[in-house]
Amino acid sequence: MIAESKARYDTKADVLYLFAEEGEIARSIEVSPGITVEFGNAGNILDVEILRASRVLTETVIVSLHAKQAGVL
Protein backbone atom coordinates (compact mmCIF):
# COMPACT_ATOMS: atom_id res chain seq x y z
CA MET A 1 0.00 0.00 0.00
CA ILE A 2 1.12 3.55 -0.62
CA ALA A 3 0.69 4.42 3.09
CA GLU A 4 3.55 2.04 3.87
CA SER A 5 5.60 2.96 0.83
CA LYS A 6 9.08 4.30 0.51
CA ALA A 7 9.70 7.63 -1.16
CA ARG A 8 12.69 9.07 -2.95
CA TYR A 9 13.03 12.61 -4.24
CA ASP A 10 15.55 13.34 -6.99
CA THR A 11 16.45 16.99 -6.51
CA LYS A 12 18.28 17.37 -9.82
CA ALA A 13 15.47 15.89 -11.89
CA ASP A 14 12.71 17.24 -9.57
CA VAL A 15 11.01 13.84 -9.56
CA LEU A 16 9.31 12.15 -6.62
CA TYR A 17 9.16 8.35 -6.64
CA LEU A 18 6.74 6.52 -4.33
CA PHE A 19 7.45 2.80 -4.11
CA ALA A 20 4.58 0.61 -2.89
CA GLU A 21 5.66 -2.90 -3.87
CA GLU A 22 8.38 -4.66 -5.79
CA GLY A 23 7.48 -6.59 -8.88
CA GLU A 24 7.49 -6.74 -12.63
CA ILE A 25 5.76 -3.78 -14.27
CA ALA A 26 2.87 -4.94 -16.43
CA ARG A 27 1.57 -1.53 -17.45
CA SER A 28 1.94 2.18 -16.79
CA ILE A 29 -0.79 4.79 -16.88
CA GLU A 30 -0.29 8.54 -16.91
CA VAL A 31 -3.16 9.49 -14.60
CA SER A 32 -2.49 13.21 -14.91
CA PRO A 33 0.12 15.21 -16.82
CA GLY A 34 3.44 14.34 -15.19
CA ILE A 35 2.01 11.69 -12.83
CA THR A 36 2.48 8.05 -13.81
CA VAL A 37 1.28 4.97 -11.93
CA GLU A 38 2.90 1.60 -12.65
CA PHE A 39 0.97 -1.62 -12.04
CA GLY A 40 2.03 -5.23 -11.55
CA ASN A 41 0.56 -8.28 -13.23
CA ALA A 42 -2.19 -8.62 -10.62
CA GLY A 43 -3.23 -4.98 -11.05
CA ASN A 44 -1.49 -3.90 -7.86
CA ILE A 45 0.23 -0.50 -7.69
CA LEU A 46 4.01 -0.86 -7.73
CA ASP A 47 5.03 2.77 -7.81
CA VAL A 48 4.04 6.32 -8.61
CA GLU A 49 6.29 8.84 -10.35
CA ILE A 50 5.61 12.58 -10.06
CA LEU A 51 7.48 14.83 -12.48
CA ARG A 52 8.11 18.47 -11.56
CA ALA A 53 7.33 17.49 -7.97
CA SER A 54 8.31 20.87 -6.51
CA ARG A 55 5.53 22.48 -8.56
CA VAL A 56 2.95 19.85 -7.62
CA LEU A 57 3.71 19.41 -3.91
CA THR A 58 3.99 22.01 -1.19
CA GLU A 59 7.39 23.19 0.00
CA THR A 60 6.72 21.53 3.37
CA VAL A 61 6.45 18.10 1.73
CA ILE A 62 9.66 18.60 -0.28
CA VAL A 63 11.60 19.78 2.81
CA SER A 64 10.32 16.77 4.78
CA LEU A 65 11.46 14.39 2.02
CA HIS A 66 14.92 15.98 2.00
CA ALA A 67 15.16 15.55 5.78
CA LYS A 68 14.07 11.90 5.63
CA GLN A 69 16.62 11.14 2.91
CA ALA A 70 19.34 12.81 4.95
CA GLY A 71 18.37 10.75 8.00
CA VAL A 72 17.25 13.75 10.03
CA LEU A 73 13.67 12.49 10.44
PDB file of N, CA and C in Angstrom:
ATOM      1  N   MET A   1       0.836  -1.182   0.000  1.00  0.00           N
ATOM      2  CA  MET A   1       0.000   0.000   0.000  1.00  0.00           C
ATOM      3  C   MET A   1       0.881   1.246   0.000  1.00  0.00           C
ATOM      4  N   ILE A   2       0.366   2.306  -0.558  1.00  0.00           N
ATOM      5  CA  ILE A   2       1.120   3.549  -0.622  1.00  0.00           C
ATOM      6  C   ILE A   2       1.401   4.092   0.783  1.00  0.00           C
ATOM      7  N   ALA A   3       0.500   3.909   1.734  1.00  0.00           N
ATOM      8  CA  ALA A   3       0.694   4.421   3.086  1.00  0.00           C
ATOM      9  C   ALA A   3       1.959   3.856   3.723  1.00  0.00           C
ATOM     10  N   GLU A   4       2.358   2.667   3.324  1.00  0.00           N
ATOM     11  CA  GLU A   4       3.555   2.037   3.871  1.00  0.00           C
ATOM     12  C   GLU A   4       4.723   2.094   2.888  1.00  0.00           C
ATOM     13  N   SER A   5       4.611   2.930   1.903  1.00  0.00           N
ATOM     14  CA  SER A   5       5.602   2.962   0.834  1.00  0.00           C
ATOM     15  C   SER A   5       6.870   3.682   1.247  1.00  0.00           C
ATOM     16  N   LYS A   6       7.844   3.550   0.381  1.00  0.00           N
ATOM     17  CA  LYS A   6       9.082   4.296   0.511  1.00  0.00           C
ATOM     18  C   LYS A   6       9.035   5.401  -0.535  1.00  0.00           C
ATOM     19  N   ALA A   7       9.676   6.503  -0.228  1.00  0.00           N
ATOM     20  CA  ALA A   7       9.698   7.628  -1.156  1.00  0.00           C
ATOM     21  C   ALA A   7      11.133   8.042  -1.397  1.00  0.00           C
ATOM     22  N   ARG A   8      11.377   8.519  -2.613  1.00  0.00           N
ATOM     23  CA  ARG A   8      12.694   9.070  -2.953  1.00  0.00           C
ATOM     24  C   ARG A   8      12.455  10.292  -3.823  1.00  0.00           C
ATOM     25  N   TYR A   9      13.144  11.376  -3.480  1.00  0.00           N
ATOM     26  CA  TYR A   9      13.027  12.608  -4.242  1.00  0.00           C
ATOM     27  C   TYR A   9      14.363  12.897  -4.907  1.00  0.00           C
ATOM     28  N   ASP A  10      14.359  13.018  -6.212  1.00  0.00           N
ATOM     29  CA  ASP A  10      15.553  13.340  -6.988  1.00  0.00           C
ATOM     30  C   ASP A  10      15.554  14.854  -7.195  1.00  0.00           C
ATOM     31  N   THR A  11      16.437  15.530  -6.469  1.00  0.00           N
ATOM     32  CA  THR A  11      16.453  16.991  -6.507  1.00  0.00           C
ATOM     33  C   THR A  11      16.872  17.544  -7.866  1.00  0.00           C
ATOM     34  N   LYS A  12      17.812  16.883  -8.514  1.00  0.00           N
ATOM     35  CA  LYS A  12      18.280  17.372  -9.820  1.00  0.00           C
ATOM     36  C   LYS A  12      17.208  17.240 -10.890  1.00  0.00           C
ATOM     37  N   ALA A  13      16.504  16.129 -10.882  1.00  0.00           N
ATOM     38  CA  ALA A  13      15.469  15.891 -11.892  1.00  0.00           C
ATOM     39  C   ALA A  13      14.109  16.439 -11.444  1.00  0.00           C
ATOM     40  N   ASP A  14      13.969  16.787 -10.157  1.00  0.00           N
ATOM     41  CA  ASP A  14      12.707  17.239  -9.569  1.00  0.00           C
ATOM     42  C   ASP A  14      11.608  16.197  -9.774  1.00  0.00           C
ATOM     43  N   VAL A  15      11.950  14.957  -9.415  1.00  0.00           N
ATOM     44  CA  VAL A  15      11.013  13.840  -9.564  1.00  0.00           C
ATOM     45  C   VAL A  15      10.859  13.141  -8.214  1.00  0.00           C
ATOM     46  N   LEU A  16       9.612  12.887  -7.838  1.00  0.00           N
ATOM     47  CA  LEU A  16       9.313  12.150  -6.623  1.00  0.00           C
ATOM     48  C   LEU A  16       8.870  10.751  -7.016  1.00  0.00           C
ATOM     49  N   TYR A  17       9.508   9.752  -6.402  1.00  0.00           N
ATOM     50  CA  TYR A  17       9.159   8.353  -6.635  1.00  0.00           C
ATOM     51  C   TYR A  17       8.555   7.798  -5.352  1.00  0.00           C
ATOM     52  N   LEU A  18       7.386   7.199  -5.456  1.00  0.00           N
ATOM     53  CA  LEU A  18       6.742   6.524  -4.333  1.00  0.00           C
ATOM     54  C   LEU A  18       6.698   5.040  -4.668  1.00  0.00           C
ATOM     55  N   PHE A  19       7.360   4.231  -3.860  1.00  0.00           N
ATOM     56  CA  PHE A  19       7.445   2.797  -4.110  1.00  0.00           C
ATOM     57  C   PHE A  19       6.502   2.065  -3.162  1.00  0.00           C
ATOM     58  N   ALA A  20       5.546   1.347  -3.705  1.00  0.00           N
ATOM     59  CA  ALA A  20       4.584   0.608  -2.889  1.00  0.00           C
ATOM     60  C   ALA A  20       4.989  -0.852  -2.746  1.00  0.00           C
ATOM     61  N   GLU A  21       5.304  -1.490  -3.858  1.00  0.00           N
ATOM     62  CA  GLU A  21       5.665  -2.903  -3.866  1.00  0.00           C
ATOM     63  C   GLU A  21       6.727  -3.145  -4.923  1.00  0.00           C
ATOM     64  N   GLU A  22       7.458  -4.234  -4.753  1.00  0.00           N
ATOM     65  CA  GLU A  22       8.383  -4.656  -5.793  1.00  0.00           C
ATOM     66  C   GLU A  22       7.660  -5.622  -6.707  1.00  0.00           C
ATOM     67  N   GLY A  23       8.078  -5.658  -7.938  1.00  0.00           N
ATOM     68  CA  GLY A  23       7.476  -6.585  -8.881  1.00  0.00           C
ATOM     69  C   GLY A  23       7.723  -6.163 -10.303  1.00  0.00           C
ATOM     70  N   GLU A  24       7.329  -7.008 -11.212  1.00  0.00           N
ATOM     71  CA  GLU A  24       7.488  -6.735 -12.632  1.00  0.00           C
ATOM     72  C   GLU A  24       6.365  -5.801 -13.087  1.00  0.00           C
ATOM     73  N   ILE A  25       6.743  -4.747 -13.788  1.00  0.00           N
ATOM     74  CA  ILE A  25       5.759  -3.778 -14.267  1.00  0.00           C
ATOM     75  C   ILE A  25       5.021  -4.356 -15.473  1.00  0.00           C
ATOM     76  N   ALA A  26       3.704  -4.427 -15.348  1.00  0.00           N
ATOM     77  CA  ALA A  26       2.865  -4.944 -16.429  1.00  0.00           C
ATOM     78  C   ALA A  26       2.336  -3.815 -17.305  1.00  0.00           C
ATOM     79  N   ARG A  27       2.056  -2.670 -16.677  1.00  0.00           N
ATOM     80  CA  ARG A  27       1.569  -1.525 -17.451  1.00  0.00           C
ATOM     81  C   ARG A  27       1.757  -0.249 -16.660  1.00  0.00           C
ATOM     82  N   SER A  28       1.814   0.849 -17.381  1.00  0.00           N
ATOM     83  CA  SER A  28       1.939   2.176 -16.795  1.00  0.00           C
ATOM     84  C   SER A  28       0.816   3.040 -17.338  1.00  0.00           C
ATOM     85  N   ILE A  29       0.270   3.879 -16.470  1.00  0.00           N
ATOM     86  CA  ILE A  29      -0.788   4.791 -16.882  1.00  0.00           C
ATOM     87  C   ILE A  29      -0.434   6.184 -16.391  1.00  0.00           C
ATOM     88  N   GLU A  30      -0.468   7.149 -17.303  1.00  0.00           N
ATOM     89  CA  GLU A  30      -0.295   8.541 -16.906  1.00  0.00           C
ATOM     90  C   GLU A  30      -1.672   9.033 -16.471  1.00  0.00           C
ATOM     91  N   VAL A  31      -1.854   9.150 -15.155  1.00  0.00           N
ATOM     92  CA  VAL A  31      -3.164   9.494 -14.605  1.00  0.00           C
ATOM     93  C   VAL A  31      -3.451  10.983 -14.661  1.00  0.00           C
ATOM     94  N   SER A  32      -2.409  11.758 -14.807  1.00  0.00           N
ATOM     95  CA  SER A  32      -2.493  13.207 -14.912  1.00  0.00           C
ATOM     96  C   SER A  32      -1.189  13.644 -15.566  1.00  0.00           C
ATOM     97  N   PRO A  33      -1.153  14.786 -16.209  1.00  0.00           N
ATOM     98  CA  PRO A  33       0.117  15.209 -16.817  1.00  0.00           C
ATOM     99  C   PRO A  33       1.257  15.210 -15.793  1.00  0.00           C
ATOM    100  N   GLY A  34       2.274  14.410 -16.062  1.00  0.00           N
ATOM    101  CA  GLY A  34       3.438  14.337 -15.190  1.00  0.00           C
ATOM    102  C   GLY A  34       3.313  13.376 -14.025  1.00  0.00           C
ATOM    103  N   ILE A  35       2.187  12.658 -13.916  1.00  0.00           N
ATOM    104  CA  ILE A  35       2.013  11.692 -12.829  1.00  0.00           C
ATOM    105  C   ILE A  35       1.688  10.337 -13.441  1.00  0.00           C
ATOM    106  N   THR A  36       2.617   9.389 -13.231  1.00  0.00           N
ATOM    107  CA  THR A  36       2.479   8.049 -13.809  1.00  0.00           C
ATOM    108  C   THR A  36       2.382   7.013 -12.698  1.00  0.00           C
ATOM    109  N   VAL A  37       1.441   6.081 -12.864  1.00  0.00           N
ATOM    110  CA  VAL A  37       1.275   4.969 -11.934  1.00  0.00           C
ATOM    111  C   VAL A  37       1.644   3.699 -12.680  1.00  0.00           C
ATOM    112  N   GLU A  38       2.491   2.864 -12.051  1.00  0.00           N
ATOM    113  CA  GLU A  38       2.898   1.599 -12.653  1.00  0.00           C
ATOM    114  C   GLU A  38       2.267   0.450 -11.872  1.00  0.00           C
ATOM    115  N   PHE A  39       1.705  -0.509 -12.618  1.00  0.00           N
ATOM    116  CA  PHE A  39       0.969  -1.622 -12.038  1.00  0.00           C
ATOM    117  C   PHE A  39       1.679  -2.947 -12.310  1.00  0.00           C
ATOM    118  N   GLY A  40       1.520  -3.884 -11.384  1.00  0.00           N
ATOM    119  CA  GLY A  40       2.033  -5.231 -11.550  1.00  0.00           C
ATOM    120  C   GLY A  40       1.044  -6.094 -12.306  1.00  0.00           C
ATOM    121  N   ASN A  41       1.405  -7.347 -12.489  1.00  0.00           N
ATOM    122  CA  ASN A  41       0.564  -8.283 -13.234  1.00  0.00           C
ATOM    123  C   ASN A  41      -0.810  -8.490 -12.619  1.00  0.00           C
ATOM    124  N   ALA A  42      -0.915  -8.410 -11.305  1.00  0.00           N
ATOM    125  CA  ALA A  42      -2.192  -8.620 -10.621  1.00  0.00           C
ATOM    126  C   ALA A  42      -3.011  -7.337 -10.505  1.00  0.00           C
ATOM    127  N   GLY A  43      -2.519  -6.255 -11.122  1.00  0.00           N
ATOM    128  CA  GLY A  43      -3.233  -4.984 -11.054  1.00  0.00           C
ATOM    129  C   GLY A  43      -2.891  -4.154  -9.832  1.00  0.00           C
ATOM    130  N   ASN A  44      -1.918  -4.617  -9.053  1.00  0.00           N
ATOM    131  CA  ASN A  44      -1.489  -3.897  -7.857  1.00  0.00           C
ATOM    132  C   ASN A  44      -0.566  -2.738  -8.230  1.00  0.00           C
ATOM    133  N   ILE A  45      -0.639  -1.665  -7.456  1.00  0.00           N
ATOM    134  CA  ILE A  45       0.228  -0.503  -7.695  1.00  0.00           C
ATOM    135  C   ILE A  45       1.631  -0.824  -7.202  1.00  0.00           C
ATOM    136  N   LEU A  46       2.603  -0.653  -8.096  1.00  0.00           N
ATOM    137  CA  LEU A  46       4.005  -0.864  -7.732  1.00  0.00           C
ATOM    138  C   LEU A  46       4.678   0.445  -7.343  1.00  0.00           C
ATOM    139  N   ASP A  47       4.437   1.478  -8.134  1.00  0.00           N
ATOM    140  CA  ASP A  47       5.026   2.766  -7.811  1.00  0.00           C
ATOM    141  C   ASP A  47       4.301   3.903  -8.515  1.00  0.00           C
ATOM    142  N   VAL A  48       4.595   5.102  -8.035  1.00  0.00           N
ATOM    143  CA  VAL A  48       4.044   6.324  -8.606  1.00  0.00           C
ATOM    144  C   VAL A  48       5.216   7.262  -8.850  1.00  0.00           C
ATOM    145  N   GLU A  49       5.230   7.900  -9.997  1.00  0.00           N
ATOM    146  CA  GLU A  49       6.289   8.844 -10.353  1.00  0.00           C
ATOM    147  C   GLU A  49       5.634  10.200 -10.589  1.00  0.00           C
ATOM    148  N   ILE A  50       6.150  11.224  -9.913  1.00  0.00           N
ATOM    149  CA  ILE A  50       5.611  12.576 -10.062  1.00  0.00           C
ATOM    150  C   ILE A  50       6.708  13.480 -10.600  1.00  0.00           C
ATOM    151  N   LEU A  51       6.539  13.914 -11.847  1.00  0.00           N
ATOM    152  CA  LEU A  51       7.482  14.831 -12.475  1.00  0.00           C
ATOM    153  C   LEU A  51       7.199  16.254 -12.003  1.00  0.00           C
ATOM    154  N   ARG A  52       8.231  17.083 -12.002  1.00  0.00           N
ATOM    155  CA  ARG A  52       8.111  18.472 -11.558  1.00  0.00           C
ATOM    156  C   ARG A  52       7.456  18.528 -10.176  1.00  0.00           C
ATOM    157  N   ALA A  53       7.935  17.665  -9.297  1.00  0.00           N
ATOM    158  CA  ALA A  53       7.328  17.491  -7.972  1.00  0.00           C
ATOM    159  C   ALA A  53       7.287  18.790  -7.166  1.00  0.00           C
ATOM    160  N   SER A  54       8.291  19.623  -7.289  1.00  0.00           N
ATOM    161  CA  SER A  54       8.309  20.866  -6.507  1.00  0.00           C
ATOM    162  C   SER A  54       7.194  21.812  -6.919  1.00  0.00           C
ATOM    163  N   ARG A  55       6.661  21.647  -8.112  1.00  0.00           N
ATOM    164  CA  ARG A  55       5.535  22.479  -8.564  1.00  0.00           C
ATOM    165  C   ARG A  55       4.201  21.878  -8.133  1.00  0.00           C
ATOM    166  N   VAL A  56       4.188  20.554  -7.949  1.00  0.00           N
ATOM    167  CA  VAL A  56       2.950  19.848  -7.615  1.00  0.00           C
ATOM    168  C   VAL A  56       2.726  19.800  -6.110  1.00  0.00           C
ATOM    169  N   LEU A  57       3.804  19.576  -5.359  1.00  0.00           N
ATOM    170  CA  LEU A  57       3.707  19.414  -3.910  1.00  0.00           C
ATOM    171  C   LEU A  57       4.095  20.703  -3.198  1.00  0.00           C
ATOM    172  N   THR A  58       3.642  20.829  -1.972  1.00  0.00           N
ATOM    173  CA  THR A  58       3.986  22.013  -1.194  1.00  0.00           C
ATOM    174  C   THR A  58       5.447  21.973  -0.770  1.00  0.00           C
ATOM    175  N   GLU A  59       5.988  23.093  -0.445  1.00  0.00           N
ATOM    176  CA  GLU A  59       7.387  23.186  -0.004  1.00  0.00           C
ATOM    177  C   GLU A  59       7.605  22.361   1.258  1.00  0.00           C
ATOM    178  N   THR A  60       6.614  22.308   2.133  1.00  0.00           N
ATOM    179  CA  THR A  60       6.725  21.531   3.368  1.00  0.00           C
ATOM    180  C   THR A  60       6.969  20.059   3.078  1.00  0.00           C
ATOM    181  N   VAL A  61       6.269  19.509   2.096  1.00  0.00           N
ATOM    182  CA  VAL A  61       6.447  18.103   1.733  1.00  0.00           C
ATOM    183  C   VAL A  61       7.854  17.868   1.193  1.00  0.00           C
ATOM    184  N   ILE A  62       8.324  18.731   0.311  1.00  0.00           N
ATOM    185  CA  ILE A  62       9.662  18.597  -0.281  1.00  0.00           C
ATOM    186  C   ILE A  62      10.734  18.681   0.806  1.00  0.00           C
ATOM    187  N   VAL A  63      10.624  19.633   1.727  1.00  0.00           N
ATOM    188  CA  VAL A  63      11.599  19.778   2.813  1.00  0.00           C
ATOM    189  C   VAL A  63      11.593  18.531   3.687  1.00  0.00           C
ATOM    190  N   SER A  64      10.424  17.992   3.967  1.00  0.00           N
ATOM    191  CA  SER A  64      10.322  16.769   4.776  1.00  0.00           C
ATOM    192  C   SER A  64      10.996  15.588   4.072  1.00  0.00           C
ATOM    193  N   LEU A  65      10.813  15.462   2.772  1.00  0.00           N
ATOM    194  CA  LEU A  65      11.456  14.390   2.025  1.00  0.00           C
ATOM    195  C   LEU A  65      12.971  14.528   2.058  1.00  0.00           C
ATOM    196  N   HIS A  66      13.476  15.753   1.921  1.00  0.00           N
ATOM    197  CA  HIS A  66      14.925  15.980   1.998  1.00  0.00           C
ATOM    198  C   HIS A  66      15.441  15.539   3.377  1.00  0.00           C
ATOM    199  N   ALA A  67      14.723  15.898   4.417  1.00  0.00           N
ATOM    200  CA  ALA A  67      15.156  15.547   5.778  1.00  0.00           C
ATOM    201  C   ALA A  67      15.152  14.035   5.989  1.00  0.00           C
ATOM    202  N   LYS A  68      14.137  13.361   5.488  1.00  0.00           N
ATOM    203  CA  LYS A  68      14.074  11.904   5.632  1.00  0.00           C
ATOM    204  C   LYS A  68      15.216  11.235   4.883  1.00  0.00           C
ATOM    205  N   GLN A  69      15.520  11.704   3.687  1.00  0.00           N
ATOM    206  CA  GLN A  69      16.617  11.137   2.910  1.00  0.00           C
ATOM    207  C   GLN A  69      17.954  11.366   3.579  1.00  0.00           C
ATOM    208  N   ALA A  70      18.090  12.494   4.274  1.00  0.00           N
ATOM    209  CA  ALA A  70      19.342  12.811   4.955  1.00  0.00           C
ATOM    210  C   ALA A  70      19.440  12.114   6.309  1.00  0.00           C
ATOM    211  N   GLY A  71      18.358  11.451   6.738  1.00  0.00           N
ATOM    212  CA  GLY A  71      18.373  10.753   8.002  1.00  0.00           C
ATOM    213  C   GLY A  71      18.065  11.627   9.197  1.00  0.00           C
ATOM    214  N   VAL A  72      17.576  12.828   8.946  1.00  0.00           N
ATOM    215  CA  VAL A  72      17.254  13.747  10.030  1.00  0.00           C
ATOM    216  C   VAL A  72      15.927  13.378  10.686  1.00  0.00           C
ATOM    217  N   LEU A  73      14.989  12.897   9.907  1.00  0.00           N
ATOM    218  CA  LEU A  73      13.668  12.495  10.441  1.00  0.00           C
ATOM    219  C   LEU A  73      13.548  10.997  10.491  1.00  0.00           C
TER     220      LEU A  73
END
